[in-house]
Amino acid sequence: MIVIVDPSRGDVLSNISDQPDDQSAENARRPHQGLAVEDAFEITRGFATSASASGACPAQSAGAVRLVWIKHVGRDGSIAEPDAEADIWRDDVPERFHLRAGDILLSEVVTGRPKAACVQGSDLPAAAAGSVYVLRPKSALSPEHTRLILAFLRSKSVARLAYGDFGRSRIRRADLSPLELPEPDEALATALNELDSAGLRMRRWSAEANALAGSVFETEQSLDEARRSIIEAGQLIRLRAEAAGELDDPDYTVRTRFPYPVALRLREAEARRSTGDLEPAYGAVLDAAETLLAYTALVAGALARDAAIDLSSLGLLQRKLAGTAGGPGLGEWTAILQEVAGAKKRRGLNPDHPLHELANLAPEGEAQQARSRLAARRNDKAHGRMPDVVELPQALQEASDDLALLVSRARFLADLPLIHVTSVVWDAFRRQVSISYRRLMGDHPVVPTLTMHYPSNAVETGSLYVVGRDHHLYLLRPFLTCEVCETCRTWSTFHGDKVKGQLVQKSLEHGHHYAYRADAEVLRQTGLM
């Protein structure tokens, strides 16, 4: 479940004095290098009246407009729906005070953080009233830029412009006018839009639940009939709540939202631990850790190649695949992730590029120590140095804790879908591709085939891709390939490996390996051999 925490409303008032804080005002402007409010908007105040003033009329009267006070604006940026009975309507409000779709309402009086909302067509006819600033765009703003501006106007930075005593602190027009607005940022706007959409969906679900609960006594039915009716009608609402609540459980997120190779290994480790069979559980935890690091490292390598970033750590992988000894292991996977973590390598990339998130898995500190401990345990196990019967319970718990730490750092994988493209059809007239694909997220490879449109025909049938937050498709071949495993006959993902001097492909899901079936020449072209 996505939870949006509303910070305490009183925290920004403790430093408010009777005089405006010039330093706070300057700090509010300093991080943002865009247009000033007065350059982007015409600034006016709401219609001067009071709730008890005469002149109210029925909502149906010709020329009547609804008076919108700051109480109608929610902390989430919503404007309360019109109510013909409870709202005050006036037919004598001058035209210049009538609101238009796209106007932004900003509270002049501040308690905690300012309130700000964008007027929609459904809010009209209306006029702002009382201590409300109306910001009317001088030129059209994109929805994304408007969303950023609203988030900024509701921030602590703008709240610090207010001066006065508690409950009477105000933002002066003289301080508001020169305030610099954030420039358009597509990545940030997209992230805010996703949160807004999630919040809207949850509010709708809450409204459905409240409406259903309030309908119990609206019909002349017995209590038994009402109970059955509520149980039947509320089933979907209860299932939504239960499914959303499951997302607070990290294991559930892994089982349903992580890429298939990682999710399957982690699910196996979870299942093995639940049986109390310690030795297989210990091995499954170490296998899951290696698969998590191998998958993220291979994806990082593919993304770096796509972005023309030279990773010296891939030389280690190349030497392993070119040598006669064993193939790559935790040391090589960790080296790739550590190099990607360096900010210098990612300089100049789009803020939405997945490499930025992969870098979070390899910072120094607890995660690095956990990786080192797991690598040492993996090495000991490979050389027959398993914990004895007395040591095994504690070793299993410690290894599981280290794996859980890495998994928590890798939660971004839930937002980077792994897909297998099954067909590509190019439409030359529309200049777009229709792609059929399987979304391989969760611990089972049997998933439905979906379709999407893509603005490029540079997409391969049969290959694996990662979908970035910007909806760009990143090719994973030859770092990761896929096919039905010749050993267990299940669909699996593979990477290049070396066994007794022979180039093989090894499955991330179960470790089965056999002679390399993909095009080895591509490994050479990409510098992996």
Protein backbone atom coordinates (compact mmCIF):
# COMPACT_ATOMS: atom_id res chain seq x y z
CA MET A 1 0.00 0.00 0.00
CA ILE A 2 1.21 3.49 -0.78
CA VAL A 3 0.98 5.62 2.32
CA ILE A 4 1.35 9.40 2.08
CA VAL A 5 2.21 10.87 5.45
CA ASP A 6 0.93 14.37 6.20
CA PRO A 7 3.57 16.08 8.40
CA SER A 8 2.51 17.92 11.55
CA ARG A 9 0.81 21.19 10.81
CA GLY A 10 2.35 23.00 13.72
CA ASP A 11 6.01 22.48 12.99
CA VAL A 12 6.48 25.50 10.73
CA LEU A 13 4.77 27.93 13.07
CA SER A 14 7.26 27.75 15.90
CA ASN A 15 9.66 30.11 14.15
CA ILE A 16 7.05 32.62 12.99
CA SER A 17 7.42 36.07 14.45
CA ASP A 18 5.53 39.28 13.98
CA GLN A 19 7.99 40.30 11.27
CA PRO A 20 8.59 38.53 7.98
CA ASP A 21 11.65 36.29 8.00
CA ASP A 22 13.79 37.63 5.17
CA GLN A 23 16.21 34.71 5.34
CA SER A 24 13.35 32.20 5.11
CA ALA A 25 11.93 34.05 2.15
CA GLU A 26 15.32 33.99 0.47
CA ASN A 27 15.70 30.27 1.17
CA ALA A 28 12.29 29.66 -0.39
CA ARG A 29 13.45 31.31 -3.59
CA ARG A 30 17.00 30.02 -3.74
CA PRO A 31 16.53 26.36 -4.78
CA HIS A 32 14.19 27.16 -7.66
CA GLN A 33 15.42 28.83 -10.83
CA GLY A 34 12.27 29.51 -12.83
CA LEU A 35 9.73 32.23 -13.47
CA ALA A 36 8.59 34.40 -10.59
CA VAL A 37 4.97 34.08 -9.54
CA GLU A 38 4.22 37.59 -10.83
CA ASP A 39 5.70 36.69 -14.24
CA ALA A 40 3.67 33.52 -14.64
CA PHE A 41 0.38 34.61 -13.02
CA GLU A 42 -1.97 37.49 -12.54
CA ILE A 43 -2.44 37.72 -8.77
CA THR A 44 -5.75 38.86 -7.29
CA ARG A 45 -7.52 38.38 -3.97
CA GLY A 46 -10.88 36.79 -3.41
CA PHE A 47 -14.19 38.64 -3.40
CA ALA A 48 -14.43 40.66 -0.18
CA THR A 49 -17.49 39.43 1.71
CA SER A 50 -18.45 37.34 4.72
CA ALA A 51 -20.57 34.26 5.22
CA SER A 52 -23.19 36.34 7.07
CA ALA A 53 -23.38 39.10 4.46
CA SER A 54 -26.69 39.69 2.70
CA GLY A 55 -27.14 39.04 -0.99
CA ALA A 56 -27.27 35.24 -1.08
CA CYS A 57 -29.47 33.69 -3.75
CA PRO A 58 -30.61 30.21 -4.82
CA ALA A 59 -28.08 28.20 -6.81
CA GLN A 60 -30.53 28.11 -9.72
CA SER A 61 -30.68 31.90 -10.07
CA ALA A 62 -29.43 33.42 -13.31
CA GLY A 63 -25.79 34.44 -13.01
CA ALA A 64 -25.37 32.78 -9.60
CA VAL A 65 -21.87 31.69 -8.64
CA ARG A 66 -20.75 29.63 -5.70
CA LEU A 67 -18.49 31.32 -3.17
CA VAL A 68 -15.39 29.21 -2.59
CA TRP A 69 -13.66 29.88 0.74
CA ILE A 70 -10.37 28.46 1.84
CA LYS A 71 -12.31 25.91 3.94
CA HIS A 72 -13.45 24.34 0.66
CA VAL A 73 -9.83 23.63 -0.34
CA GLY A 74 -8.41 20.38 1.01
CA ARG A 75 -4.85 19.73 2.13
CA ASP A 76 -4.58 17.30 -0.78
CA GLY A 77 -5.36 19.98 -3.35
CA SER A 78 -8.99 19.05 -3.84
CA ILE A 79 -11.91 21.50 -3.92
CA ALA A 80 -15.10 20.38 -2.18
CA GLU A 81 -17.92 19.47 -4.54
CA PRO A 82 -20.70 22.07 -4.91
CA ASP A 83 -23.61 21.73 -2.52
CA ALA A 84 -26.70 23.70 -3.61
CA GLU A 85 -28.07 23.74 -0.06
CA ALA A 86 -25.01 24.28 2.15
CA ASP A 87 -22.96 26.61 -0.06
CA ILE A 88 -23.49 30.35 -0.41
CA TRP A 89 -24.43 31.48 -3.90
CA ARG A 90 -24.41 35.08 -5.13
CA ASP A 91 -25.59 36.68 -8.37
CA ASP A 92 -23.97 40.06 -7.69
CA VAL A 93 -20.28 39.07 -7.80
CA PRO A 94 -18.40 41.19 -10.37
CA GLU A 95 -17.17 39.30 -13.42
CA ARG A 96 -13.52 39.90 -12.56
CA PHE A 97 -13.88 37.69 -9.49
CA HIS A 98 -15.37 34.75 -11.42
CA LEU A 99 -13.02 31.79 -11.48
CA ARG A 100 -11.84 30.02 -14.62
CA ALA A 101 -10.61 26.48 -15.15
CA GLY A 102 -6.84 26.50 -14.60
CA ASP A 103 -6.86 29.20 -11.91
CA ILE A 104 -4.86 28.30 -8.81
CA LEU A 105 -6.26 29.08 -5.37
CA LEU A 106 -3.71 29.74 -2.61
CA SER A 107 -4.50 30.39 1.03
CA GLU A 108 -3.42 33.81 2.27
CA VAL A 109 -3.81 32.78 5.91
CA VAL A 110 -1.50 29.90 6.78
CA THR A 111 -1.93 27.27 9.48
CA GLY A 112 0.86 24.73 9.08
CA ARG A 113 1.34 24.59 5.33
CA PRO A 114 -0.48 26.66 2.70
CA LYS A 115 -3.43 25.19 0.87
CA ALA A 116 -3.35 25.28 -2.92
CA ALA A 117 -5.67 23.82 -5.55
CA CYS A 118 -6.27 24.09 -9.27
CA VAL A 119 -9.79 25.01 -10.38
CA GLN A 120 -11.43 22.48 -12.70
CA GLY A 121 -14.38 22.92 -15.01
CA SER A 122 -16.53 20.88 -12.61
CA ASP A 123 -15.93 23.51 -9.88
CA LEU A 124 -17.59 26.27 -11.90
CA PRO A 125 -19.45 28.63 -11.77
CA ALA A 126 -17.61 29.91 -8.71
CA ALA A 127 -15.80 32.90 -7.22
CA ALA A 128 -13.06 32.85 -4.60
CA ALA A 129 -14.03 34.62 -1.39
CA GLY A 130 -12.16 35.90 1.63
CA SER A 131 -8.46 35.33 2.32
CA VAL A 132 -7.64 33.54 -0.89
CA TYR A 133 -5.15 34.46 -3.59
CA VAL A 134 -6.24 33.66 -7.14
CA LEU A 135 -3.31 32.96 -9.48
CA ARG A 136 -4.44 33.14 -13.11
CA PRO A 137 -1.85 31.86 -15.64
CA LYS A 138 -0.73 34.52 -18.12
CA SER A 139 -0.03 31.74 -20.63
CA ALA A 140 -1.04 28.09 -20.78
CA LEU A 141 0.76 25.77 -18.37
CA SER A 142 1.12 22.05 -18.96
CA PRO A 143 -0.67 19.78 -16.46
CA GLU A 144 2.74 18.48 -15.37
CA HIS A 145 4.11 21.95 -14.66
CA THR A 146 0.89 22.93 -12.87
CA ARG A 147 1.23 19.87 -10.64
CA LEU A 148 4.79 20.86 -9.71
CA ILE A 149 3.73 24.42 -8.94
CA LEU A 150 0.90 23.20 -6.70
CA ALA A 151 3.26 20.90 -4.79
CA PHE A 152 5.68 23.81 -4.34
CA LEU A 153 2.99 26.23 -3.16
CA ARG A 154 1.92 23.69 -0.50
CA SER A 155 5.50 23.24 0.74
CA LYS A 156 7.25 24.40 3.91
CA SER A 157 9.35 26.75 1.80
CA VAL A 158 6.29 28.82 0.96
CA ALA A 159 4.88 28.47 4.50
CA ARG A 160 7.99 30.20 5.85
CA LEU A 161 6.99 33.35 3.97
CA ALA A 162 4.05 33.82 6.35
CA TYR A 163 4.31 36.19 9.27
CA GLY A 164 2.13 36.97 12.27
CA ASP A 165 0.84 35.16 15.33
CA PHE A 166 -0.49 31.63 15.38
CA GLY A 167 -3.80 31.47 13.52
CA ARG A 168 -3.24 34.91 11.98
CA SER A 169 -0.05 34.34 10.01
CA ARG A 170 -0.36 35.53 6.42
CA ILE A 171 1.56 35.45 3.18
CA ARG A 172 1.95 38.98 1.91
CA ARG A 173 1.52 39.67 -1.77
CA ALA A 174 4.85 41.52 -1.75
CA ASP A 175 6.57 38.26 -0.69
CA LEU A 176 4.53 36.03 -2.98
CA SER A 177 5.01 38.02 -6.19
CA PRO A 178 8.80 37.62 -6.61
CA LEU A 179 8.81 34.00 -5.43
CA GLU A 180 10.54 31.83 -8.06
CA LEU A 181 8.58 28.82 -9.26
CA PRO A 182 10.11 25.43 -10.09
CA GLU A 183 10.89 24.81 -13.71
CA PRO A 184 9.09 22.01 -15.57
CA ASP A 185 10.49 18.60 -14.60
CA GLU A 186 8.86 15.68 -16.38
CA ALA A 187 10.33 12.99 -14.14
CA LEU A 188 9.24 14.67 -10.90
CA ALA A 189 5.84 15.53 -12.35
CA THR A 190 5.32 11.89 -13.36
CA ALA A 191 6.18 10.70 -9.86
CA LEU A 192 3.75 13.21 -8.33
CA ASN A 193 1.07 12.16 -10.79
CA GLU A 194 1.48 8.51 -9.79
CA LEU A 195 1.06 9.44 -6.14
CA ASP A 196 -1.97 11.60 -6.94
CA SER A 197 -3.54 8.76 -8.93
CA ALA A 198 -2.91 6.28 -6.11
CA GLY A 199 -4.39 8.67 -3.56
CA LEU A 200 -7.44 9.33 -5.74
CA ARG A 201 -8.08 5.63 -6.17
CA MET A 202 -7.88 5.01 -2.42
CA ARG A 203 -10.20 7.94 -1.70
CA ARG A 204 -12.73 6.47 -4.13
CA TRP A 205 -12.52 3.12 -2.37
CA SER A 206 -13.00 4.84 0.98
CA ALA A 207 -16.03 6.72 -0.37
CA GLU A 208 -17.53 3.44 -1.62
CA ALA A 209 -17.09 1.87 1.82
CA ASN A 210 -18.66 4.86 3.58
CA ALA A 211 -21.59 4.95 1.14
CA LEU A 212 -22.20 1.23 1.61
CA ALA A 213 -22.08 1.51 5.40
CA GLY A 214 -24.51 4.43 5.29
CA SER A 215 -27.01 2.51 3.17
CA VAL A 216 -27.81 -0.10 5.83
CA PHE A 217 -31.01 1.55 7.06
CA GLU A 218 -32.07 3.24 3.85
CA THR A 219 -34.31 0.33 2.87
CA GLU A 220 -37.04 -1.41 4.82
CA GLN A 221 -35.23 -4.69 5.29
CA SER A 222 -34.59 -6.79 8.36
CA LEU A 223 -31.26 -6.73 10.13
CA ASP A 224 -30.48 -10.24 8.82
CA GLU A 225 -31.19 -9.10 5.27
CA ALA A 226 -29.12 -5.96 5.80
CA ARG A 227 -26.22 -8.05 7.11
CA ARG A 228 -26.29 -10.38 4.08
CA SER A 229 -26.57 -7.42 1.76
CA ILE A 230 -23.57 -5.67 3.33
CA ILE A 231 -21.47 -8.86 3.26
CA GLU A 232 -22.21 -9.48 -0.41
CA ALA A 233 -21.86 -5.89 -1.58
CA GLY A 234 -18.78 -5.27 0.54
CA GLN A 235 -16.81 -8.30 -0.62
CA LEU A 236 -14.85 -6.41 -3.28
CA ILE A 237 -14.09 -3.56 -0.86
CA ARG A 238 -12.79 -6.02 1.75
CA LEU A 239 -10.67 -7.83 -0.84
CA ARG A 240 -9.16 -4.50 -1.95
CA ALA A 241 -8.24 -3.65 1.63
CA GLU A 242 -6.75 -7.08 2.26
CA ALA A 243 -4.69 -6.97 -0.95
CA ALA A 244 -3.45 -3.47 -0.17
CA GLY A 245 -2.58 -4.48 3.39
CA GLU A 246 -0.50 -7.39 2.07
CA LEU A 247 1.88 -4.89 0.46
CA ASP A 248 3.09 -3.90 3.93
CA ASP A 249 4.57 -7.43 4.08
CA PRO A 250 7.94 -7.39 2.23
CA ASP A 251 7.59 -11.08 1.36
CA TYR A 252 4.29 -10.40 -0.41
CA THR A 253 5.85 -7.60 -2.44
CA VAL A 254 8.65 -9.95 -3.47
CA ARG A 255 6.28 -12.76 -4.43
CA THR A 256 4.08 -10.56 -6.59
CA ARG A 257 6.16 -7.59 -7.76
CA PHE A 258 9.83 -8.59 -8.07
CA PRO A 259 11.29 -9.85 -11.39
CA TYR A 260 10.63 -13.56 -11.86
CA PRO A 261 14.19 -14.93 -11.39
CA VAL A 262 14.65 -13.05 -8.11
CA ALA A 263 11.10 -13.63 -6.87
CA LEU A 264 11.31 -17.40 -7.45
CA ARG A 265 14.59 -17.75 -5.55
CA LEU A 266 13.35 -15.64 -2.66
CA ARG A 267 10.08 -17.58 -2.52
CA GLU A 268 12.03 -20.84 -2.37
CA ALA A 269 14.15 -19.52 0.48
CA GLU A 270 10.98 -18.48 2.33
CA ALA A 271 9.39 -21.89 1.78
CA ARG A 272 12.50 -23.80 2.85
CA ARG A 273 12.76 -21.82 6.04
CA SER A 274 9.13 -22.51 6.89
CA THR A 275 9.74 -26.30 6.89
CA GLY A 276 12.41 -26.13 9.58
CA ASP A 277 14.85 -28.09 7.41
CA LEU A 278 17.85 -25.92 8.20
CA GLU A 279 20.53 -27.06 5.76
CA PRO A 280 18.42 -26.76 2.57
CA ALA A 281 17.05 -23.46 3.89
CA TYR A 282 20.57 -22.14 4.45
CA GLY A 283 21.55 -23.08 0.90
CA ALA A 284 18.38 -21.51 -0.53
CA VAL A 285 19.08 -18.21 1.28
CA LEU A 286 22.60 -18.05 -0.18
CA ASP A 287 21.32 -18.97 -3.66
CA ALA A 288 18.70 -16.23 -3.43
CA ALA A 289 21.33 -13.67 -2.44
CA GLU A 290 23.53 -14.58 -5.39
CA THR A 291 20.59 -14.48 -7.81
CA LEU A 292 19.54 -11.04 -6.54
CA LEU A 293 23.05 -9.65 -7.04
CA ALA A 294 23.57 -11.45 -10.35
CA TYR A 295 20.30 -10.20 -11.81
CA THR A 296 20.86 -6.59 -10.77
CA ALA A 297 24.47 -6.67 -11.97
CA LEU A 298 23.54 -8.13 -15.36
CA VAL A 299 20.78 -5.55 -15.78
CA ALA A 300 23.24 -2.82 -14.77
CA GLY A 301 25.71 -4.06 -17.37
CA ALA A 302 23.07 -4.02 -20.10
CA LEU A 303 21.90 -0.53 -19.12
CA ALA A 304 25.46 0.79 -19.03
CA ARG A 305 26.11 -0.56 -22.52
CA ASP A 306 22.89 1.02 -23.79
CA ALA A 307 24.00 4.36 -22.33
CA ALA A 308 27.54 4.00 -23.77
CA ILE A 309 29.03 3.93 -20.26
CA ASP A 310 32.32 2.06 -20.04
CA LEU A 311 32.46 -0.19 -16.97
CA SER A 312 35.91 -1.52 -16.16
CA SER A 313 34.27 -4.12 -13.91
CA LEU A 314 32.89 -5.84 -17.01
CA GLY A 315 36.51 -6.73 -17.75
CA LEU A 316 36.39 -9.07 -14.76
CA LEU A 317 33.34 -10.73 -16.25
CA GLN A 318 35.08 -10.96 -19.62
CA ARG A 319 38.14 -12.64 -18.10
CA LYS A 320 35.93 -15.17 -16.31
CA LEU A 321 34.11 -16.08 -19.53
CA ALA A 322 37.36 -16.17 -21.50
CA GLY A 323 39.32 -18.23 -18.96
CA THR A 324 39.41 -21.95 -18.30
CA ALA A 325 38.41 -21.82 -14.64
CA GLY A 326 34.94 -21.21 -13.22
CA GLY A 327 32.53 -18.52 -14.33
CA PRO A 328 31.45 -15.27 -12.66
CA GLY A 329 30.32 -15.21 -9.06
CA LEU A 330 29.47 -12.84 -6.24
CA GLY A 331 32.77 -11.01 -6.60
CA GLU A 332 32.09 -10.04 -10.22
CA TRP A 333 28.45 -9.12 -9.59
CA THR A 334 29.41 -6.94 -6.63
CA ALA A 335 32.18 -5.20 -8.60
CA ILE A 336 29.70 -4.17 -11.31
CA LEU A 337 27.21 -2.81 -8.80
CA GLN A 338 29.89 -0.92 -6.89
CA GLU A 339 31.14 0.75 -10.06
CA VAL A 340 27.64 1.73 -11.12
CA ALA A 341 27.13 3.26 -7.67
CA GLY A 342 29.71 5.91 -8.48
CA ALA A 343 27.95 9.15 -9.37
CA LYS A 344 30.58 9.98 -12.01
CA LYS A 345 29.54 7.04 -14.18
CA ARG A 346 25.91 8.16 -14.18
CA ARG A 347 26.55 11.83 -14.77
CA GLY A 348 24.42 13.18 -17.60
CA LEU A 349 21.82 10.40 -17.50
CA ASN A 350 18.12 11.23 -17.48
CA PRO A 351 16.85 11.45 -13.86
CA ASP A 352 14.48 8.56 -14.64
CA HIS A 353 17.22 6.26 -15.90
CA PRO A 354 17.14 2.90 -14.06
CA LEU A 355 20.89 2.96 -13.38
CA HIS A 356 20.30 5.59 -10.69
CA GLU A 357 18.14 3.16 -8.74
CA LEU A 358 20.45 0.19 -9.27
CA ALA A 359 23.18 2.31 -7.69
CA ASN A 360 21.23 2.26 -4.41
CA LEU A 361 21.96 -1.44 -3.97
CA ALA A 362 25.70 -0.97 -3.64
CA PRO A 363 26.47 1.99 -1.34
CA GLU A 364 28.95 1.55 1.47
CA GLY A 365 27.71 0.70 4.92
CA GLU A 366 25.31 -1.98 6.10
CA ALA A 367 24.47 -3.24 2.61
CA GLN A 368 28.14 -3.67 1.74
CA GLN A 369 28.79 -5.52 5.01
CA ALA A 370 25.78 -7.77 4.39
CA ARG A 371 27.05 -8.60 0.90
CA SER A 372 30.51 -9.39 2.25
CA ARG A 373 29.12 -11.73 4.91
CA LEU A 374 26.91 -13.53 2.40
CA ALA A 375 29.80 -13.87 -0.05
CA ALA A 376 31.99 -15.38 2.69
CA ARG A 377 29.23 -17.84 3.62
CA ARG A 378 28.75 -18.75 -0.04
CA ASN A 379 32.47 -19.33 -0.46
CA ASP A 380 32.63 -21.46 2.69
CA LYS A 381 29.70 -23.57 1.53
CA ALA A 382 31.30 -24.11 -1.90
CA HIS A 383 34.43 -25.42 -0.16
CA GLY A 384 32.59 -27.69 2.24
CA ARG A 385 32.86 -25.43 5.27
CA MET A 386 29.21 -25.54 6.32
CA PRO A 387 28.14 -24.53 9.84
CA ASP A 388 27.70 -27.54 12.08
CA VAL A 389 24.42 -28.59 13.63
CA VAL A 390 24.88 -26.30 16.61
CA GLU A 391 25.93 -23.27 14.57
CA LEU A 392 23.41 -23.72 11.75
CA PRO A 393 20.29 -22.11 13.35
CA GLN A 394 22.15 -18.90 14.15
CA ALA A 395 23.95 -18.93 10.78
CA LEU A 396 20.63 -19.30 8.98
CA GLN A 397 19.09 -16.43 10.93
CA GLU A 398 22.06 -14.13 10.29
CA ALA A 399 22.16 -14.98 6.57
CA SER A 400 18.41 -14.40 6.31
CA ASP A 401 18.76 -11.02 8.01
CA ASP A 402 21.51 -10.01 5.59
CA LEU A 403 19.39 -11.13 2.63
CA ALA A 404 16.40 -9.19 3.97
CA LEU A 405 18.54 -6.05 4.14
CA LEU A 406 19.58 -6.44 0.49
CA VAL A 407 15.99 -7.11 -0.55
CA SER A 408 14.84 -3.94 1.22
CA ARG A 409 17.47 -1.97 -0.73
CA ALA A 410 16.25 -3.60 -3.95
CA ARG A 411 12.57 -2.66 -3.64
CA PHE A 412 12.98 -0.44 -6.69
CA LEU A 413 12.93 -3.66 -8.75
CA ALA A 414 9.16 -3.73 -8.26
CA ASP A 415 8.98 -0.59 -10.43
CA LEU A 416 11.29 -1.89 -13.18
CA PRO A 417 9.25 -4.62 -14.91
CA LEU A 418 11.03 -7.46 -16.67
CA ILE A 419 9.22 -8.33 -19.89
CA HIS A 420 9.63 -10.99 -22.57
CA VAL A 421 8.67 -9.71 -26.02
CA THR A 422 6.78 -12.36 -27.98
CA SER A 423 5.84 -10.44 -31.16
CA VAL A 424 6.45 -7.08 -32.80
CA VAL A 425 4.23 -5.52 -35.50
CA TRP A 426 5.31 -2.20 -37.06
CA ASP A 427 2.69 0.24 -38.37
CA ALA A 428 4.46 2.42 -40.95
CA PHE A 429 1.62 4.94 -41.14
CA ARG A 430 1.22 5.49 -37.41
CA ARG A 431 4.98 5.19 -36.89
CA GLN A 432 4.57 2.93 -33.90
CA VAL A 433 4.99 -0.70 -32.96
CA SER A 434 2.39 -3.00 -31.46
CA ILE A 435 4.23 -5.27 -29.01
CA SER A 436 2.93 -8.47 -27.45
CA TYR A 437 4.80 -9.31 -24.27
CA ARG A 438 4.74 -11.24 -21.03
CA ARG A 439 5.28 -9.29 -17.83
CA LEU A 440 7.55 -11.51 -15.73
CA MET A 441 6.93 -10.07 -12.30
CA GLY A 442 6.28 -12.41 -9.39
CA ASP A 443 7.31 -15.96 -8.62
CA HIS A 444 5.60 -17.76 -11.53
CA PRO A 445 6.49 -17.75 -15.26
CA VAL A 446 2.96 -18.56 -16.44
CA VAL A 447 1.53 -15.10 -17.07
CA PRO A 448 -0.90 -13.67 -19.64
CA THR A 449 0.29 -12.02 -22.84
CA LEU A 450 -0.32 -8.28 -22.93
CA THR A 451 0.00 -5.67 -25.66
CA MET A 452 1.37 -2.12 -25.78
CA HIS A 453 2.32 0.49 -28.36
CA TYR A 454 5.87 1.76 -28.64
CA PRO A 455 7.26 4.60 -30.77
CA SER A 456 10.23 2.63 -32.16
CA ASN A 457 10.62 -0.55 -34.19
CA ALA A 458 14.04 -1.30 -32.65
CA VAL A 459 12.55 -4.08 -30.53
CA GLU A 460 13.49 -7.76 -30.80
CA THR A 461 11.04 -10.62 -30.72
CA GLY A 462 12.08 -13.23 -28.16
CA SER A 463 14.33 -10.96 -26.10
CA LEU A 464 14.10 -9.72 -22.52
CA TYR A 465 13.69 -6.03 -21.71
CA VAL A 466 13.50 -3.89 -18.59
CA VAL A 467 10.86 -1.15 -18.69
CA GLY A 468 12.07 2.10 -17.15
CA ARG A 469 9.93 4.63 -15.32
CA ASP A 470 10.02 6.68 -18.51
CA HIS A 471 8.48 3.66 -20.32
CA HIS A 472 11.64 3.19 -22.37
CA LEU A 473 12.51 -0.43 -23.21
CA TYR A 474 16.09 -1.46 -22.34
CA LEU A 475 17.39 -4.55 -24.13
CA LEU A 476 19.04 -7.11 -21.81
CA ARG A 477 20.54 -9.39 -24.47
CA PRO A 478 23.22 -10.79 -24.34
CA PHE A 479 23.60 -10.20 -20.60
CA LEU A 480 20.33 -12.07 -20.01
CA THR A 481 18.56 -14.40 -22.43
CA CYS A 482 15.59 -16.72 -22.05
CA GLU A 483 14.32 -20.07 -23.31
CA VAL A 484 12.76 -23.31 -22.08
CA CYS A 485 15.43 -25.05 -20.00
CA GLU A 486 16.70 -28.27 -21.61
CA THR A 487 17.13 -29.84 -18.18
CA CYS A 488 13.85 -29.14 -16.36
CA ARG A 489 11.67 -28.02 -19.32
CA THR A 490 10.56 -24.82 -17.59
CA TRP A 491 10.84 -21.33 -19.04
CA SER A 492 13.99 -19.76 -17.57
CA THR A 493 16.43 -16.87 -17.85
CA PHE A 494 20.12 -17.47 -18.53
CA HIS A 495 23.48 -15.73 -18.43
CA GLY A 496 26.87 -16.74 -19.80
CA ASP A 497 29.01 -18.94 -17.55
CA LYS A 498 32.08 -21.17 -17.76
CA VAL A 499 32.30 -24.78 -16.60
CA LYS A 500 35.53 -26.76 -17.10
CA GLY A 501 36.64 -24.42 -19.83
CA GLN A 502 33.38 -24.70 -21.79
CA LEU A 503 31.10 -21.74 -22.42
CA VAL A 504 27.69 -22.56 -21.01
CA GLN A 505 24.48 -20.74 -20.15
CA LYS A 506 23.34 -20.92 -16.56
CA SER A 507 19.82 -20.40 -15.30
CA LEU A 508 19.23 -17.78 -12.64
CA GLU A 509 16.15 -19.63 -11.39
CA HIS A 510 17.59 -23.08 -10.64
CA GLY A 511 21.27 -23.14 -11.66
CA HIS A 512 20.87 -25.65 -14.51
CA HIS A 513 23.50 -25.19 -17.19
CA TYR A 514 24.41 -26.57 -20.58
CA ALA A 515 26.26 -25.52 -23.72
CA TYR A 516 25.66 -21.89 -24.73
CA ARG A 517 22.77 -21.82 -27.27
CA ALA A 518 22.62 -18.09 -27.99
CA ASP A 519 24.90 -16.27 -30.42
CA ALA A 520 28.36 -16.24 -28.82
CA GLU A 521 29.48 -13.65 -31.38
CA VAL A 522 27.20 -11.13 -29.67
CA LEU A 523 29.13 -11.74 -26.43
CA ARG A 524 32.28 -10.73 -28.27
CA GLN A 525 30.67 -7.66 -29.81
CA THR A 526 29.58 -6.44 -26.38
CA GLY A 527 32.98 -7.08 -24.83
CA LEU A 528 31.89 -9.99 -22.66
CA MET A 529 34.32 -12.34 -24.42
